[in-house]
Amino acid sequence: MDRIDLKMTIGDSVIQYPALSGVYMNYGVDYCCGGDRSIEVAISDSKAKREDIVGALEAKLASIVETGESTVKLNELNNNQLIDNIINKHHAYLRKNLPELGINLFKLIEVHGGNHTELFEIHHLVGLLRIELEQHLVKEEKQLFPLIRVNSVERVRELINELENEHDAAGDILKKLTVVTDHFSLPEDACTTYAITYKMLQELQTDMYEHVHKENSVLFKRFE
């Protein structure tokens, strides 16, 4: 099969074919928050042409089928394995990179803030994101994940509702960052720190999309 089913939810498409996530990211399509949307609806929010996205998805799908390209499918991991993956990969990433981003942005404001006032808004948004996520990580690691490990279903469902709302809030901040940075486009007078910081912002978005997808579309779905 090398045709993409546009009626499939975007979350399910990444669960079934993890490599498609790279195509979605390239075209700025959010596959984590709102993962229950159909692919058709999700790609309609992108600035890119629909036919370009569909063509790229079908080319990637054909490549997967032809070459046998695969990765471990997330739904093949048990709860403990998936939790360990989230903590060791995504939570560790955030704890390391969010403070570094704040330091870099402060430096950029000092040097470039006069000519690029958008840096103040970027710094503010990253600060808000850090506050949201640091509290979020603790809630997951100290409350939700231990309950999942012992299969305390009723309380897990209550916490999941809270955490999905927090995911949406973080997703809104990431979308604002994309707009304020003009999709992470560097100005002509960008220095090395500028380039490094924008690259870090883009990597943060990519990591968060993967992170939230693993939780909303895989782990949390097991407790519906």
N, C-alpha and C. Protein backbone atom coordinates (compact mmCIF):
# COMPACT_ATOMS: atom_id res chain seq x y z
N MET A 1 0.85 -1.20 0.00
CA MET A 1 0.00 0.00 0.00
C MET A 1 0.88 1.24 0.00
N ASP A 2 0.65 2.14 -0.98
CA ASP A 2 1.44 3.37 -1.02
C ASP A 2 0.53 4.60 -1.12
N ARG A 3 -0.75 4.44 -0.80
CA ARG A 3 -1.67 5.56 -0.73
C ARG A 3 -2.00 5.81 0.73
N ILE A 4 -2.01 7.08 1.10
CA ILE A 4 -2.29 7.42 2.48
C ILE A 4 -3.80 7.56 2.67
N ASP A 5 -4.33 7.00 3.72
CA ASP A 5 -5.75 7.10 4.04
C ASP A 5 -5.97 8.39 4.81
N LEU A 6 -6.51 9.39 4.15
CA LEU A 6 -6.65 10.71 4.76
C LEU A 6 -7.73 10.75 5.83
N LYS A 7 -8.52 9.69 5.92
CA LYS A 7 -9.55 9.62 6.97
C LYS A 7 -8.99 9.04 8.28
N MET A 8 -7.80 8.44 8.20
CA MET A 8 -7.14 7.92 9.40
C MET A 8 -6.77 9.08 10.31
N THR A 9 -6.84 8.87 11.62
CA THR A 9 -6.41 9.94 12.51
C THR A 9 -4.91 10.14 12.36
N ILE A 10 -4.48 11.37 12.52
CA ILE A 10 -3.06 11.65 12.34
C ILE A 10 -2.23 10.95 13.41
N GLY A 11 -2.79 10.81 14.62
CA GLY A 11 -2.08 10.09 15.68
C GLY A 11 -1.87 8.63 15.32
N ASP A 12 -2.93 7.98 14.80
CA ASP A 12 -2.82 6.57 14.42
C ASP A 12 -1.84 6.38 13.27
N SER A 13 -1.75 7.35 12.36
CA SER A 13 -0.84 7.20 11.23
C SER A 13 0.62 7.15 11.70
N VAL A 14 0.94 7.91 12.75
CA VAL A 14 2.31 7.91 13.26
C VAL A 14 2.57 6.67 14.10
N ILE A 15 1.53 6.16 14.77
CA ILE A 15 1.69 4.90 15.51
C ILE A 15 1.97 3.76 14.54
N GLN A 16 1.23 3.73 13.43
CA GLN A 16 1.39 2.66 12.45
C GLN A 16 2.66 2.82 11.62
N TYR A 17 2.99 4.06 11.27
CA TYR A 17 4.18 4.34 10.46
C TYR A 17 4.97 5.48 11.11
N PRO A 18 5.81 5.19 12.11
CA PRO A 18 6.51 6.24 12.85
C PRO A 18 7.31 7.19 11.97
N ALA A 19 7.81 6.71 10.84
CA ALA A 19 8.63 7.55 9.97
C ALA A 19 7.84 8.70 9.35
N LEU A 20 6.53 8.63 9.35
CA LEU A 20 5.73 9.72 8.79
C LEU A 20 5.84 10.99 9.63
N SER A 21 6.24 10.85 10.88
CA SER A 21 6.35 12.03 11.75
C SER A 21 7.31 13.07 11.16
N GLY A 22 8.37 12.60 10.49
CA GLY A 22 9.32 13.52 9.87
C GLY A 22 8.69 14.35 8.78
N VAL A 23 7.78 13.75 8.01
CA VAL A 23 7.08 14.49 6.95
C VAL A 23 6.18 15.55 7.58
N TYR A 24 5.45 15.16 8.61
CA TYR A 24 4.57 16.13 9.27
C TYR A 24 5.37 17.31 9.81
N MET A 25 6.51 17.03 10.43
CA MET A 25 7.32 18.10 10.99
C MET A 25 7.84 19.03 9.89
N ASN A 26 8.26 18.44 8.76
CA ASN A 26 8.80 19.25 7.65
C ASN A 26 7.77 20.25 7.13
N TYR A 27 6.50 19.88 7.23
CA TYR A 27 5.44 20.75 6.70
C TYR A 27 4.69 21.49 7.80
N GLY A 28 5.21 21.42 9.02
CA GLY A 28 4.60 22.17 10.12
C GLY A 28 3.23 21.67 10.51
N VAL A 29 3.01 20.37 10.40
CA VAL A 29 1.71 19.77 10.76
C VAL A 29 1.80 19.19 12.17
N ASP A 30 0.91 19.64 13.05
CA ASP A 30 0.90 19.20 14.44
C ASP A 30 0.23 17.84 14.52
N TYR A 31 0.99 16.79 14.88
CA TYR A 31 0.41 15.46 14.98
C TYR A 31 0.26 15.00 16.43
N CYS A 32 0.58 15.87 17.40
CA CYS A 32 0.49 15.45 18.80
C CYS A 32 -0.78 15.99 19.45
N CYS A 33 -0.88 17.29 19.66
CA CYS A 33 -2.10 17.87 20.21
C CYS A 33 -3.18 17.79 19.12
N GLY A 34 -4.31 17.22 19.46
CA GLY A 34 -5.33 17.02 18.44
C GLY A 34 -5.02 15.83 17.56
N GLY A 35 -4.40 14.80 18.14
CA GLY A 35 -4.05 13.61 17.37
C GLY A 35 -5.24 12.81 16.91
N ASP A 36 -6.43 13.13 17.42
CA ASP A 36 -7.65 12.44 17.00
C ASP A 36 -8.23 13.04 15.73
N ARG A 37 -7.66 14.13 15.23
CA ARG A 37 -8.12 14.70 13.97
C ARG A 37 -7.73 13.78 12.82
N SER A 38 -8.51 13.80 11.76
CA SER A 38 -8.11 13.05 10.56
C SER A 38 -6.90 13.73 9.94
N ILE A 39 -6.15 12.98 9.15
CA ILE A 39 -5.01 13.56 8.44
C ILE A 39 -5.49 14.72 7.56
N GLU A 40 -6.63 14.53 6.92
CA GLU A 40 -7.20 15.56 6.04
C GLU A 40 -7.39 16.88 6.78
N VAL A 41 -7.96 16.82 7.97
CA VAL A 41 -8.20 18.03 8.75
C VAL A 41 -6.88 18.62 9.25
N ALA A 42 -5.99 17.75 9.73
CA ALA A 42 -4.72 18.23 10.31
C ALA A 42 -3.87 18.96 9.29
N ILE A 43 -3.78 18.44 8.07
CA ILE A 43 -2.91 19.08 7.08
C ILE A 43 -3.52 20.38 6.55
N SER A 44 -4.82 20.56 6.75
CA SER A 44 -5.46 21.79 6.27
C SER A 44 -4.98 23.01 7.05
N ASP A 45 -4.40 22.79 8.22
CA ASP A 45 -3.89 23.90 9.04
C ASP A 45 -2.49 24.35 8.60
N SER A 46 -1.85 23.57 7.75
CA SER A 46 -0.49 23.90 7.32
C SER A 46 -0.50 24.99 6.25
N LYS A 47 0.58 25.77 6.21
CA LYS A 47 0.72 26.79 5.18
C LYS A 47 1.08 26.17 3.83
N ALA A 48 1.55 24.93 3.85
CA ALA A 48 1.95 24.26 2.61
C ALA A 48 0.72 23.80 1.83
N LYS A 49 0.93 23.53 0.55
CA LYS A 49 -0.16 23.05 -0.30
C LYS A 49 -0.53 21.62 0.08
N ARG A 50 -1.82 21.35 0.07
CA ARG A 50 -2.32 20.02 0.43
C ARG A 50 -1.67 18.94 -0.43
N GLU A 51 -1.61 19.19 -1.76
CA GLU A 51 -1.08 18.15 -2.65
C GLU A 51 0.40 17.87 -2.38
N ASP A 52 1.14 18.89 -1.93
CA ASP A 52 2.56 18.68 -1.61
C ASP A 52 2.71 17.78 -0.38
N ILE A 53 1.88 18.03 0.62
CA ILE A 53 1.96 17.21 1.84
C ILE A 53 1.54 15.78 1.55
N VAL A 54 0.42 15.62 0.85
CA VAL A 54 -0.06 14.28 0.52
C VAL A 54 0.97 13.54 -0.32
N GLY A 55 1.56 14.24 -1.29
CA GLY A 55 2.58 13.61 -2.13
C GLY A 55 3.78 13.15 -1.32
N ALA A 56 4.21 13.98 -0.36
CA ALA A 56 5.35 13.62 0.48
C ALA A 56 5.01 12.44 1.38
N LEU A 57 3.80 12.42 1.91
CA LEU A 57 3.37 11.30 2.77
C LEU A 57 3.32 10.00 1.97
N GLU A 58 2.78 10.06 0.77
CA GLU A 58 2.67 8.84 -0.03
C GLU A 58 4.03 8.37 -0.52
N ALA A 59 4.94 9.31 -0.82
CA ALA A 59 6.29 8.92 -1.21
C ALA A 59 7.00 8.24 -0.05
N LYS A 60 6.82 8.79 1.16
CA LYS A 60 7.45 8.18 2.33
C LYS A 60 6.85 6.82 2.61
N LEU A 61 5.54 6.70 2.49
CA LEU A 61 4.87 5.42 2.72
C LEU A 61 5.34 4.38 1.72
N ALA A 62 5.47 4.77 0.45
CA ALA A 62 5.97 3.84 -0.57
C ALA A 62 7.37 3.38 -0.25
N SER A 63 8.21 4.31 0.26
CA SER A 63 9.58 3.97 0.63
C SER A 63 9.60 2.98 1.79
N ILE A 64 8.70 3.19 2.75
CA ILE A 64 8.62 2.29 3.91
C ILE A 64 8.29 0.88 3.45
N VAL A 65 7.28 0.78 2.54
CA VAL A 65 6.84 -0.53 2.05
C VAL A 65 7.94 -1.18 1.22
N GLU A 66 8.59 -0.41 0.34
CA GLU A 66 9.60 -0.96 -0.58
C GLU A 66 10.86 -1.42 0.15
N THR A 67 11.32 -0.62 1.10
CA THR A 67 12.60 -0.92 1.75
C THR A 67 12.44 -1.71 3.05
N GLY A 68 11.19 -1.81 3.51
CA GLY A 68 10.99 -2.49 4.80
C GLY A 68 11.43 -1.64 5.96
N GLU A 69 11.60 -0.34 5.72
CA GLU A 69 12.02 0.57 6.79
C GLU A 69 11.04 0.47 7.95
N SER A 70 11.56 0.39 9.15
CA SER A 70 10.68 0.31 10.32
C SER A 70 11.43 0.73 11.56
N THR A 71 10.69 1.10 12.55
CA THR A 71 11.23 1.31 13.88
C THR A 71 10.31 0.58 14.83
N VAL A 72 10.73 0.44 16.08
CA VAL A 72 9.86 -0.20 17.05
C VAL A 72 8.59 0.62 17.17
N LYS A 73 7.46 -0.01 16.95
CA LYS A 73 6.20 0.71 17.03
C LYS A 73 5.87 0.95 18.50
N LEU A 74 5.44 2.18 18.77
CA LEU A 74 5.21 2.57 20.15
C LEU A 74 4.17 1.71 20.84
N ASN A 75 3.16 1.27 20.08
CA ASN A 75 2.12 0.48 20.70
C ASN A 75 2.57 -0.95 21.01
N GLU A 76 3.82 -1.30 20.62
CA GLU A 76 4.38 -2.60 20.97
C GLU A 76 5.10 -2.56 22.32
N LEU A 77 5.33 -1.34 22.84
CA LEU A 77 5.97 -1.20 24.15
C LEU A 77 4.92 -1.33 25.24
N ASN A 78 5.27 -2.03 26.33
CA ASN A 78 4.32 -2.07 27.45
C ASN A 78 4.38 -0.75 28.21
N ASN A 79 3.50 -0.60 29.18
CA ASN A 79 3.40 0.68 29.89
C ASN A 79 4.71 1.10 30.54
N ASN A 80 5.37 0.18 31.21
CA ASN A 80 6.62 0.52 31.88
C ASN A 80 7.70 0.92 30.89
N GLN A 81 7.79 0.21 29.77
CA GLN A 81 8.79 0.55 28.75
C GLN A 81 8.52 1.92 28.15
N LEU A 82 7.26 2.22 27.92
CA LEU A 82 6.90 3.50 27.33
C LEU A 82 7.17 4.64 28.31
N ILE A 83 6.84 4.44 29.58
CA ILE A 83 7.12 5.45 30.60
C ILE A 83 8.62 5.70 30.71
N ASP A 84 9.41 4.64 30.74
CA ASP A 84 10.86 4.79 30.84
C ASP A 84 11.40 5.56 29.63
N ASN A 85 10.85 5.27 28.45
CA ASN A 85 11.27 5.97 27.23
C ASN A 85 10.96 7.46 27.33
N ILE A 86 9.78 7.80 27.81
CA ILE A 86 9.36 9.20 27.94
C ILE A 86 10.25 9.94 28.93
N ILE A 87 10.51 9.33 30.08
CA ILE A 87 11.32 9.99 31.11
C ILE A 87 12.76 10.15 30.66
N ASN A 88 13.34 9.06 30.16
CA ASN A 88 14.77 9.08 29.83
C ASN A 88 15.08 9.91 28.58
N LYS A 89 14.15 9.97 27.65
CA LYS A 89 14.41 10.72 26.43
C LYS A 89 13.86 12.14 26.51
N HIS A 90 12.58 12.29 26.76
CA HIS A 90 11.94 13.59 26.64
C HIS A 90 12.02 14.44 27.90
N HIS A 91 11.79 13.85 29.05
CA HIS A 91 11.90 14.63 30.29
C HIS A 91 13.34 15.07 30.52
N ALA A 92 14.28 14.18 30.24
CA ALA A 92 15.70 14.53 30.40
C ALA A 92 16.08 15.64 29.43
N TYR A 93 15.57 15.57 28.21
CA TYR A 93 15.85 16.61 27.21
C TYR A 93 15.37 17.97 27.70
N LEU A 94 14.15 18.04 28.21
CA LEU A 94 13.58 19.31 28.66
C LEU A 94 14.35 19.89 29.84
N ARG A 95 14.72 19.03 30.78
CA ARG A 95 15.44 19.52 31.96
C ARG A 95 16.79 20.11 31.57
N LYS A 96 17.40 19.59 30.53
CA LYS A 96 18.71 20.09 30.11
C LYS A 96 18.57 21.34 29.23
N ASN A 97 17.63 21.33 28.31
CA ASN A 97 17.61 22.36 27.27
C ASN A 97 16.80 23.60 27.59
N LEU A 98 15.76 23.49 28.39
CA LEU A 98 14.98 24.68 28.70
C LEU A 98 15.81 25.75 29.43
N PRO A 99 16.61 25.39 30.44
CA PRO A 99 17.46 26.42 31.07
C PRO A 99 18.47 27.02 30.10
N GLU A 100 19.06 26.20 29.23
CA GLU A 100 20.03 26.71 28.25
C GLU A 100 19.38 27.68 27.28
N LEU A 101 18.15 27.38 26.88
CA LEU A 101 17.44 28.28 25.98
C LEU A 101 17.21 29.64 26.62
N GLY A 102 16.83 29.63 27.90
CA GLY A 102 16.61 30.89 28.61
C GLY A 102 17.87 31.74 28.66
N ILE A 103 19.00 31.12 28.93
CA ILE A 103 20.28 31.84 28.99
C ILE A 103 20.63 32.42 27.63
N ASN A 104 20.48 31.62 26.57
CA ASN A 104 20.80 32.10 25.22
C ASN A 104 19.91 33.27 24.81
N LEU A 105 18.63 33.17 25.12
CA LEU A 105 17.70 34.23 24.73
C LEU A 105 18.01 35.52 25.47
N PHE A 106 18.41 35.42 26.72
CA PHE A 106 18.79 36.62 27.48
C PHE A 106 19.98 37.31 26.82
N LYS A 107 20.96 36.51 26.37
CA LYS A 107 22.12 37.06 25.67
C LYS A 107 21.69 37.75 24.38
N LEU A 108 20.77 37.13 23.64
CA LEU A 108 20.32 37.71 22.37
C LEU A 108 19.60 39.03 22.60
N ILE A 109 18.80 39.12 23.65
CA ILE A 109 18.10 40.36 23.96
C ILE A 109 19.10 41.48 24.22
N GLU A 110 20.16 41.17 24.97
CA GLU A 110 21.18 42.18 25.28
C GLU A 110 21.84 42.72 24.02
N VAL A 111 22.13 41.82 23.07
CA VAL A 111 22.88 42.21 21.88
C VAL A 111 21.97 42.68 20.74
N HIS A 112 20.85 41.97 20.53
CA HIS A 112 20.02 42.21 19.34
C HIS A 112 18.63 42.76 19.66
N GLY A 113 18.31 42.92 20.94
CA GLY A 113 16.96 43.33 21.31
C GLY A 113 16.53 44.66 20.72
N GLY A 114 17.48 45.58 20.51
CA GLY A 114 17.14 46.89 19.95
C GLY A 114 16.61 46.79 18.54
N ASN A 115 17.17 45.89 17.74
CA ASN A 115 16.76 45.74 16.34
C ASN A 115 15.71 44.65 16.13
N HIS A 116 15.61 43.75 17.10
CA HIS A 116 14.68 42.62 16.96
C HIS A 116 13.85 42.49 18.23
N THR A 117 12.82 43.30 18.30
CA THR A 117 12.00 43.32 19.52
C THR A 117 11.21 42.03 19.72
N GLU A 118 11.09 41.23 18.66
CA GLU A 118 10.39 39.96 18.82
C GLU A 118 11.11 39.03 19.80
N LEU A 119 12.40 39.28 20.03
CA LEU A 119 13.15 38.45 20.97
C LEU A 119 12.58 38.53 22.39
N PHE A 120 12.01 39.68 22.75
CA PHE A 120 11.40 39.81 24.07
C PHE A 120 10.19 38.88 24.20
N GLU A 121 9.40 38.80 23.13
CA GLU A 121 8.23 37.91 23.14
C GLU A 121 8.66 36.45 23.15
N ILE A 122 9.71 36.13 22.40
CA ILE A 122 10.22 34.75 22.38
C ILE A 122 10.71 34.36 23.77
N HIS A 123 11.45 35.25 24.40
CA HIS A 123 11.96 34.99 25.75
C HIS A 123 10.79 34.77 26.72
N HIS A 124 9.76 35.59 26.60
CA HIS A 124 8.58 35.47 27.46
C HIS A 124 7.89 34.13 27.24
N LEU A 125 7.70 33.74 25.99
CA LEU A 125 7.01 32.49 25.68
C LEU A 125 7.80 31.28 26.17
N VAL A 126 9.12 31.30 26.01
CA VAL A 126 9.93 30.19 26.50
C VAL A 126 9.87 30.12 28.02
N GLY A 127 9.82 31.28 28.68
CA GLY A 127 9.68 31.29 30.13
C GLY A 127 8.36 30.68 30.57
N LEU A 128 7.27 31.03 29.88
CA LEU A 128 5.96 30.44 30.18
C LEU A 128 5.98 28.93 29.96
N LEU A 129 6.61 28.52 28.85
CA LEU A 129 6.68 27.09 28.54
C LEU A 129 7.46 26.34 29.61
N ARG A 130 8.54 26.93 30.09
CA ARG A 130 9.35 26.29 31.12
C ARG A 130 8.53 26.11 32.41
N ILE A 131 7.79 27.14 32.80
CA ILE A 131 6.96 27.04 34.00
C ILE A 131 5.92 25.93 33.84
N GLU A 132 5.25 25.92 32.69
CA GLU A 132 4.23 24.90 32.42
C GLU A 132 4.83 23.49 32.48
N LEU A 133 5.96 23.31 31.82
CA LEU A 133 6.50 21.96 31.66
C LEU A 133 7.19 21.45 32.91
N GLU A 134 7.85 22.31 33.66
CA GLU A 134 8.52 21.83 34.87
C GLU A 134 7.50 21.29 35.86
N GLN A 135 6.36 21.98 36.01
CA GLN A 135 5.30 21.48 36.88
C GLN A 135 4.70 20.20 36.31
N HIS A 136 4.57 20.18 35.00
CA HIS A 136 3.98 19.04 34.30
C HIS A 136 4.82 17.77 34.48
N LEU A 137 6.12 17.91 34.34
CA LEU A 137 7.00 16.74 34.48
C LEU A 137 6.91 16.14 35.87
N VAL A 138 6.87 17.00 36.89
CA VAL A 138 6.77 16.51 38.26
C VAL A 138 5.45 15.78 38.47
N LYS A 139 4.37 16.34 37.95
CA LYS A 139 3.05 15.71 38.10
C LYS A 139 3.03 14.32 37.45
N GLU A 140 3.69 14.22 36.29
CA GLU A 140 3.74 12.92 35.63
C GLU A 140 4.59 11.92 36.40
N GLU A 141 5.78 12.35 36.79
CA GLU A 141 6.74 11.42 37.41
C GLU A 141 6.35 11.03 38.83
N LYS A 142 5.74 11.96 39.58
CA LYS A 142 5.42 11.69 40.99
C LYS A 142 3.99 11.22 41.22
N GLN A 143 3.10 11.52 40.26
CA GLN A 143 1.71 11.14 40.45
C GLN A 143 1.22 10.14 39.40
N LEU A 144 1.22 10.56 38.12
CA LEU A 144 0.60 9.74 37.09
C LEU A 144 1.35 8.43 36.83
N PHE A 145 2.64 8.52 36.54
CA PHE A 145 3.37 7.32 36.13
C PHE A 145 3.39 6.23 37.20
N PRO A 146 3.57 6.57 38.50
CA PRO A 146 3.50 5.51 39.52
C PRO A 146 2.13 4.82 39.56
N LEU A 147 1.05 5.59 39.33
CA LEU A 147 -0.29 4.99 39.31
C LEU A 147 -0.47 4.07 38.10
N ILE A 148 0.10 4.47 36.96
CA ILE A 148 0.02 3.61 35.78
C ILE A 148 0.78 2.31 36.01
N ARG A 149 1.93 2.41 36.66
CA ARG A 149 2.75 1.21 36.90
C ARG A 149 2.02 0.18 37.75
N VAL A 150 1.13 0.65 38.64
CA VAL A 150 0.37 -0.29 39.49
C VAL A 150 -1.06 -0.45 38.99
N ASN A 151 -1.35 0.16 37.82
CA ASN A 151 -2.64 0.01 37.15
C ASN A 151 -3.82 0.49 37.99
N SER A 152 -3.66 1.68 38.59
CA SER A 152 -4.73 2.30 39.35
C SER A 152 -5.59 3.12 38.39
N VAL A 153 -6.52 2.45 37.72
CA VAL A 153 -7.16 2.99 36.53
C VAL A 153 -7.99 4.25 36.80
N GLU A 154 -8.82 4.23 37.83
CA GLU A 154 -9.75 5.35 38.04
C GLU A 154 -9.00 6.67 38.27
N ARG A 155 -8.02 6.68 39.14
CA ARG A 155 -7.27 7.90 39.41
C ARG A 155 -6.43 8.32 38.20
N VAL A 156 -5.94 7.33 37.45
CA VAL A 156 -5.18 7.62 36.23
C VAL A 156 -6.02 8.44 35.26
N ARG A 157 -7.27 8.05 35.09
CA ARG A 157 -8.14 8.75 34.14
C ARG A 157 -8.34 10.20 34.55
N GLU A 158 -8.47 10.46 35.84
CA GLU A 158 -8.64 11.84 36.31
C GLU A 158 -7.41 12.68 35.99
N LEU A 159 -6.25 12.13 36.26
CA LEU A 159 -5.01 12.87 36.00
C LEU A 159 -4.78 13.08 34.52
N ILE A 160 -5.14 12.10 33.70
CA ILE A 160 -4.95 12.22 32.26
C ILE A 160 -5.71 13.42 31.71
N ASN A 161 -6.92 13.65 32.19
CA ASN A 161 -7.69 14.81 31.73
C ASN A 161 -6.94 16.11 32.02
N GLU A 162 -6.36 16.21 33.22
CA GLU A 162 -5.59 17.41 33.59
C GLU A 162 -4.37 17.57 32.68
N LEU A 163 -3.66 16.46 32.47
CA LEU A 163 -2.41 16.52 31.72
C LEU A 163 -2.63 16.80 30.24
N GLU A 164 -3.72 16.29 29.69
CA GLU A 164 -4.01 16.59 28.28
C GLU A 164 -4.31 18.08 28.10
N ASN A 165 -4.98 18.68 29.07
CA ASN A 165 -5.21 20.13 29.00
C ASN A 165 -3.89 20.89 29.06
N GLU A 166 -2.96 20.39 29.88
CA GLU A 166 -1.65 21.02 29.97
C GLU A 166 -0.87 20.85 28.67
N HIS A 167 -1.02 19.70 28.02
CA HIS A 167 -0.40 19.48 26.71
C HIS A 167 -0.91 20.52 25.71
N ASP A 168 -2.22 20.76 25.74
CA ASP A 168 -2.81 21.73 24.81
C ASP A 168 -2.24 23.12 25.06
N ALA A 169 -2.08 23.47 26.34
CA ALA A 169 -1.53 24.80 26.67
C ALA A 169 -0.10 24.93 26.17
N ALA A 170 0.70 23.88 26.35
CA ALA A 170 2.09 23.90 25.86
C ALA A 170 2.11 23.95 24.33
N GLY A 171 1.18 23.23 23.71
CA GLY A 171 1.10 23.25 22.25
C GLY A 171 0.77 24.63 21.71
N ASP A 172 -0.10 25.34 22.42
CA ASP A 172 -0.44 26.71 21.99
C ASP A 172 0.78 27.62 22.06
N ILE A 173 1.60 27.46 23.09
CA ILE A 173 2.82 28.28 23.21
C ILE A 173 3.78 27.96 22.07
N LEU A 174 3.93 26.68 21.75
CA LEU A 174 4.82 26.30 20.66
C LEU A 174 4.36 26.89 19.32
N LYS A 175 3.05 26.90 19.12
CA LYS A 175 2.52 27.48 17.88
C LYS A 175 2.80 28.98 17.82
N LYS A 176 2.67 29.66 18.95
CA LYS A 176 2.98 31.09 19.00
C LYS A 176 4.46 31.33 18.71
N LEU A 177 5.32 30.46 19.23
CA LEU A 177 6.75 30.58 18.96
C LEU A 177 7.05 30.43 17.47
N THR A 178 6.35 29.53 16.81
CA THR A 178 6.54 29.33 15.37
C THR A 178 6.18 30.60 14.61
N VAL A 179 5.09 31.24 15.03
CA VAL A 179 4.64 32.46 14.35
C VAL A 179 5.62 33.61 14.61
N VAL A 180 5.99 33.82 15.89
CA VAL A 180 6.84 34.95 16.26
C VAL A 180 8.22 34.84 15.60
N THR A 181 8.72 33.63 15.44
CA THR A 181 10.04 33.43 14.81
C THR A 181 9.95 33.30 13.30
N ASP A 182 8.72 33.43 12.73
CA ASP A 182 8.52 33.23 11.30
C ASP A 182 9.06 31.87 10.88
N HIS A 183 8.59 30.86 11.61
CA HIS A 183 9.01 29.48 11.36
C HIS A 183 10.53 29.32 11.51
N PHE A 184 11.05 29.96 12.55
CA PHE A 184 12.47 29.84 12.92
C PHE A 184 13.40 30.33 11.81
N SER A 185 12.98 31.39 11.14
CA SER A 185 13.79 32.00 10.07
C SER A 185 14.76 33.01 10.69
N LEU A 186 16.03 32.88 10.38
CA LEU A 186 17.04 33.78 10.94
C LEU A 186 17.06 35.12 10.21
N PRO A 187 17.22 36.23 10.93
CA PRO A 187 17.39 37.53 10.27
C PRO A 187 18.78 37.62 9.64
N GLU A 188 18.97 38.59 8.77
CA GLU A 188 20.24 38.71 8.05
C GLU A 188 21.42 38.99 8.97
N ASP A 189 21.18 39.66 10.08
CA ASP A 189 22.28 40.01 10.97
C ASP A 189 22.46 39.01 12.12
N ALA A 190 21.92 37.80 11.93
CA ALA A 190 22.00 36.78 12.99
C ALA A 190 23.44 36.36 13.25
N CYS A 191 23.79 36.29 14.52
CA CYS A 191 25.11 35.80 14.93
C CYS A 191 25.05 34.31 15.18
N THR A 192 26.18 33.72 15.60
CA THR A 192 26.22 32.29 15.86
C THR A 192 25.26 31.89 16.97
N THR A 193 25.20 32.69 18.05
CA THR A 193 24.28 32.39 19.15
C THR A 193 22.84 32.42 18.68
N TYR A 194 22.53 33.36 17.79
CA TYR A 194 21.19 33.45 17.22
C TYR A 194 20.84 32.15 16.50
N ALA A 195 21.75 31.69 15.66
CA ALA A 195 21.51 30.46 14.89
C ALA A 195 21.37 29.25 15.80
N ILE A 196 22.22 29.16 16.80
CA ILE A 196 22.15 28.04 17.74
C ILE A 196 20.83 28.05 18.49
N THR A 197 20.40 29.23 18.92
CA THR A 197 19.17 29.35 19.70
C THR A 197 17.94 28.98 18.88
N TYR A 198 17.88 29.45 17.64
CA TYR A 198 16.74 29.11 16.79
C TYR A 198 16.72 27.62 16.46
N LYS A 199 17.90 27.05 16.30
CA LYS A 199 17.97 25.60 16.07
C LYS A 199 17.46 24.85 17.30
N MET A 200 17.82 25.35 18.49
CA MET A 200 17.34 24.73 19.72
C MET A 200 15.82 24.85 19.85
N LEU A 201 15.27 25.99 19.44
CA LEU A 201 13.82 26.17 19.49
C LEU A 201 13.11 25.18 18.56
N GLN A 202 13.68 25.00 17.38
CA GLN A 202 13.08 24.08 16.43
C GLN A 202 13.18 22.64 16.94
N GLU A 203 14.31 22.30 17.54
CA GLU A 203 14.48 20.96 18.11
C GLU A 203 13.52 20.75 19.29
N LEU A 204 13.29 21.82 20.06
CA LEU A 204 12.34 21.74 21.17
C LEU A 204 10.95 21.41 20.64
N GLN A 205 10.55 22.08 19.58
CA GLN A 205 9.23 21.80 19.00
C GLN A 205 9.14 20.34 18.53
N THR A 206 10.17 19.87 17.84
CA THR A 206 10.18 18.50 17.35
C THR A 206 10.09 17.51 18.50
N ASP A 207 10.89 17.73 19.55
CA ASP A 207 10.88 16.82 20.69
C ASP A 207 9.52 16.84 21.39
N MET A 208 8.93 18.03 21.54
CA MET A 208 7.64 18.12 22.22
C MET A 208 6.54 17.43 21.43
N TYR A 209 6.56 17.55 20.11
CA TYR A 209 5.56 16.86 19.29
C TYR A 209 5.66 15.35 19.50
N GLU A 210 6.87 14.82 19.48
CA GLU A 210 7.07 13.39 19.67
C GLU A 210 6.66 12.98 21.09
N HIS A 211 7.05 13.78 22.06
CA HIS A 211 6.76 13.55 23.47
C HIS A 211 5.25 13.47 23.71
N VAL A 212 4.53 14.49 23.27
CA VAL A 212 3.08 14.54 23.51
C VAL A 212 2.37 13.44 22.73
N HIS A 213 2.86 13.14 21.54
CA HIS A 213 2.26 12.05 20.75
C HIS A 213 2.35 10.73 21.51
N LYS A 214 3.48 10.45 22.11
CA LYS A 214 3.64 9.19 22.85
C LYS A 214 2.66 9.10 24.02
N GLU A 215 2.38 10.25 24.63
CA GLU A 215 1.47 10.24 25.77
C GLU A 215 0.01 10.26 25.32
N ASN A 216 -0.37 11.29 24.57
CA ASN A 216 -1.78 11.43 24.19
C ASN A 216 -2.29 10.29 23.32
N SER A 217 -1.51 9.91 22.30
CA SER A 217 -2.00 8.98 21.29
C SER A 217 -1.68 7.52 21.59
N VAL A 218 -0.78 7.27 22.54
CA VAL A 218 -0.40 5.89 22.83
C VAL A 218 -0.70 5.54 24.29
N LEU A 219 0.06 6.11 25.21
CA LEU A 219 -0.05 5.73 26.62
C LEU A 219 -1.43 6.05 27.19
N PHE A 220 -1.88 7.28 27.00
CA PHE A 220 -3.16 7.69 27.60
C PHE A 220 -4.34 6.96 26.98
N LYS A 221 -4.24 6.59 25.70
CA LYS A 221 -5.32 5.89 25.02
C LYS A 221 -5.64 4.55 25.68
N ARG A 222 -4.66 3.98 26.36
CA ARG A 222 -4.86 2.67 27.00
C ARG A 222 -5.78 2.76 28.21
N PHE A 223 -6.11 3.97 28.62
CA PHE A 223 -6.93 4.14 29.82
C PHE A 223 -8.26 4.82 29.52
N GLU A 224 -8.65 4.85 28.23
CA GLU A 224 -9.94 5.43 27.89
C GLU A 224 -11.06 4.48 28.30
